[in-house]
Amino acid sequence: MSLTKNMGTIDRIARTAVALGIVGLYLAGRISGTMAVLLGILGGTLVLTSLVAWCPAYPILGISTRKGGS
């Protein structure tokens, strides 16, 4: 499995926005405990995949959101 970039700009921005939303929910006290931990892991994963522009699920699914494909 190759780490060829497979995420487009809009995909990366959307993932980052969701992660920031999770942070906002946590800081506002809307999530806590196990839910905060699970969503924190999800948010961290979204940020990490956005930074490297590679989603491990995309090659398995045979998709790419990057212009021109992967």
Protein backbone atom coordinates (compact mmCIF):
# COMPACT_ATOMS: atom_id res chain seq x y z
CA MET A 1 0.00 0.00 0.00
CA SER A 2 1.43 3.33 -1.09
CA LEU A 3 1.20 6.66 0.70
CA THR A 4 0.45 8.49 -2.54
CA LYS A 5 -1.64 11.57 -1.77
CA ASN A 6 -5.31 10.79 -2.34
CA MET A 7 -7.11 13.70 -0.68
CA GLY A 8 -8.15 16.93 -2.34
CA THR A 9 -8.18 20.38 -0.77
CA ILE A 10 -11.91 20.43 -0.02
CA ASP A 11 -11.67 17.02 1.64
CA ARG A 12 -8.76 18.19 3.81
CA ILE A 13 -10.57 21.40 4.79
CA ALA A 14 -13.74 19.48 5.68
CA ARG A 15 -11.81 17.04 7.87
CA THR A 16 -10.06 19.89 9.66
CA ALA A 17 -13.38 21.69 10.18
CA VAL A 18 -14.93 18.57 11.73
CA ALA A 19 -11.91 18.20 14.04
CA LEU A 20 -12.22 21.85 15.08
CA GLY A 21 -15.93 21.27 15.72
CA ILE A 22 -15.05 18.41 18.06
CA VAL A 23 -12.60 20.66 19.91
CA GLY A 24 -15.33 23.31 20.16
CA LEU A 25 -17.80 20.81 21.61
CA TYR A 26 -15.25 19.69 24.18
CA LEU A 27 -14.31 23.25 25.19
CA ALA A 28 -18.00 24.19 25.47
CA GLY A 29 -18.55 21.25 27.81
CA ARG A 30 -20.99 19.54 25.43
CA ILE A 31 -19.00 16.29 25.37
CA SER A 32 -17.08 14.57 28.14
CA GLY A 33 -15.92 11.19 29.36
CA THR A 34 -15.81 8.29 26.94
CA MET A 35 -17.51 10.28 24.19
CA ALA A 36 -14.86 13.00 24.44
CA VAL A 37 -12.09 10.40 24.24
CA LEU A 38 -13.62 8.66 21.22
CA LEU A 39 -14.32 11.90 19.40
CA GLY A 40 -10.84 13.14 20.34
CA ILE A 41 -9.31 10.09 18.68
CA LEU A 42 -11.48 10.64 15.63
CA GLY A 43 -10.53 14.33 15.51
CA GLY A 44 -6.85 13.53 15.83
CA THR A 45 -7.12 11.00 13.03
CA LEU A 46 -8.90 13.54 10.82
CA VAL A 47 -6.19 16.14 11.43
CA LEU A 48 -3.38 13.66 10.83
CA THR A 49 -4.86 12.41 7.56
CA SER A 50 -5.45 16.02 6.49
CA LEU A 51 -1.82 16.93 7.17
CA VAL A 52 -0.43 14.06 5.12
CA ALA A 53 -3.23 14.26 2.49
CA TRP A 54 -3.68 10.49 2.61
CA CYS A 55 -6.65 8.49 3.84
CA PRO A 56 -5.98 4.78 4.46
CA ALA A 57 -9.57 3.85 3.59
CA TYR A 58 -9.48 5.43 0.13
CA PRO A 59 -7.16 2.87 -1.54
CA ILE A 60 -9.29 0.05 -0.12
CA LEU A 61 -12.42 1.70 -1.50
CA GLY A 62 -10.68 2.62 -4.74
CA ILE A 63 -11.41 6.34 -4.49
CA SER A 64 -9.46 9.60 -4.46
CA THR A 65 -10.68 13.16 -3.90
CA ARG A 66 -7.46 14.63 -5.28
CA LYS A 67 -7.70 16.34 -8.66
CA GLY A 68 -6.44 14.03 -11.33
CA GLY A 69 -6.94 10.98 -9.12
CA SER A 70 -4.23 9.26 -7.15
